[in-house]
Amino acid sequence: MHQSGSVSLCRSAISVLVATA
């Protein structure tokens, strides 16, 4: 459960960074 949430947030952050980059 904790890992899933962490991965979800990480994926979202990376997606945003890649999109802005």
PDB file of N, CA and C in Angstrom:
ATOM      1  N   MET A   1       0.852  -1.203   0.000  1.00  0.00           N
ATOM      2  CA  MET A   1       0.000   0.000   0.000  1.00  0.00           C
ATOM      3  C   MET A   1       0.881   1.244   0.000  1.00  0.00           C
ATOM      4  N   HIS A   2       1.821   1.301   0.910  1.00  0.00           N
ATOM      5  CA  HIS A   2       2.700   2.478   0.973  1.00  0.00           C
ATOM      6  C   HIS A   2       3.538   2.588  -0.292  1.00  0.00           C
ATOM      7  N   GLN A   3       4.030   1.435  -0.745  1.00  0.00           N
ATOM      8  CA  GLN A   3       4.874   1.431  -1.944  1.00  0.00           C
ATOM      9  C   GLN A   3       4.062   1.918  -3.145  1.00  0.00           C
ATOM     10  N   SER A   4       2.821   1.440  -3.247  1.00  0.00           N
ATOM     11  CA  SER A   4       1.972   1.824  -4.379  1.00  0.00           C
ATOM     12  C   SER A   4       1.798   3.341  -4.408  1.00  0.00           C
ATOM     13  N   GLY A   5       1.488   3.924  -3.255  1.00  0.00           N
ATOM     14  CA  GLY A   5       1.306   5.373  -3.186  1.00  0.00           C
ATOM     15  C   GLY A   5       2.585   6.094  -3.562  1.00  0.00           C
ATOM     16  N   SER A   6       3.702   5.582  -3.079  1.00  0.00           N
ATOM     17  CA  SER A   6       4.995   6.220  -3.363  1.00  0.00           C
ATOM     18  C   SER A   6       5.278   6.180  -4.860  1.00  0.00           C
ATOM     19  N   VAL A   7       5.052   5.028  -5.466  1.00  0.00           N
ATOM     20  CA  VAL A   7       5.293   4.874  -6.905  1.00  0.00           C
ATOM     21  C   VAL A   7       4.363   5.797  -7.680  1.00  0.00           C
ATOM     22  N   SER A   8       3.110   5.872  -7.250  1.00  0.00           N
ATOM     23  CA  SER A   8       2.137   6.722  -7.942  1.00  0.00           C
ATOM     24  C   SER A   8       2.598   8.178  -7.932  1.00  0.00           C
ATOM     25  N   LEU A   9       3.001   8.659  -6.762  1.00  0.00           N
ATOM     26  CA  LEU A   9       3.463  10.046  -6.649  1.00  0.00           C
ATOM     27  C   LEU A   9       4.722  10.253  -7.472  1.00  0.00           C
ATOM     28  N   CYS A  10       5.612   9.276  -7.427  1.00  0.00           N
ATOM     29  CA  CYS A  10       6.871   9.378  -8.172  1.00  0.00           C
ATOM     30  C   CYS A  10       6.573   9.454  -9.667  1.00  0.00           C
ATOM     31  N   ARG A  11       5.686   8.591 -10.138  1.00  0.00           N
ATOM     32  CA  ARG A  11       5.330   8.576 -11.558  1.00  0.00           C
ATOM     33  C   ARG A  11       4.737   9.923 -11.964  1.00  0.00           C
ATOM     34  N   SER A  12       3.847  10.435 -11.130  1.00  0.00           N
ATOM     35  CA  SER A  12       3.204  11.712 -11.435  1.00  0.00           C
ATOM     36  C   SER A  12       4.245  12.822 -11.511  1.00  0.00           C
ATOM     37  N   ALA A  13       5.147  12.860 -10.545  1.00  0.00           N
ATOM     38  CA  ALA A  13       6.190  13.887 -10.514  1.00  0.00           C
ATOM     39  C   ALA A  13       7.071  13.790 -11.758  1.00  0.00           C
ATOM     40  N   ILE A  14       7.483  12.584 -12.114  1.00  0.00           N
ATOM     41  CA  ILE A  14       8.335  12.388 -13.293  1.00  0.00           C
ATOM     42  C   ILE A  14       7.596  12.833 -14.553  1.00  0.00           C
ATOM     43  N   SER A  15       6.324  12.466 -14.650  1.00  0.00           N
ATOM     44  CA  SER A  15       5.526  12.839 -15.823  1.00  0.00           C
ATOM     45  C   SER A  15       5.487  14.357 -15.974  1.00  0.00           C
ATOM     46  N   VAL A  16       5.266  15.048 -14.873  1.00  0.00           N
ATOM     47  CA  VAL A  16       5.201  16.510 -14.904  1.00  0.00           C
ATOM     48  C   VAL A  16       6.554  17.090 -15.304  1.00  0.00           C
ATOM     49  N   LEU A  17       7.612  16.557 -14.712  1.00  0.00           N
ATOM     50  CA  LEU A  17       8.960  17.054 -15.024  1.00  0.00           C
ATOM     51  C   LEU A  17       9.276  16.836 -16.499  1.00  0.00           C
ATOM     52  N   VAL A  18       8.959  15.670 -17.009  1.00  0.00           N
ATOM     53  CA  VAL A  18       9.223  15.348 -18.416  1.00  0.00           C
ATOM     54  C   VAL A  18       8.375  16.242 -19.323  1.00  0.00           C
ATOM     55  N   ALA A  19       7.125  16.448 -18.945  1.00  0.00           N
ATOM     56  CA  ALA A  19       6.225  17.274 -19.754  1.00  0.00           C
ATOM     57  C   ALA A  19       6.742  18.712 -19.818  1.00  0.00           C
ATOM     58  N   THR A  20       7.161  19.234 -18.665  1.00  0.00           N
ATOM     59  CA  THR A  20       7.653  20.613 -18.628  1.00  0.00           C
ATOM     60  C   THR A  20       9.008  20.714 -19.319  1.00  0.00           C
ATOM     61  N   ALA A  21       9.789  19.633 -19.208  1.00  0.00           N
ATOM     62  CA  ALA A  21      11.120  19.630 -19.824  1.00  0.00           C
ATOM     63  C   ALA A  21      10.949  19.469 -21.328  1.00  0.00           C
TER      64      ALA A  21
END
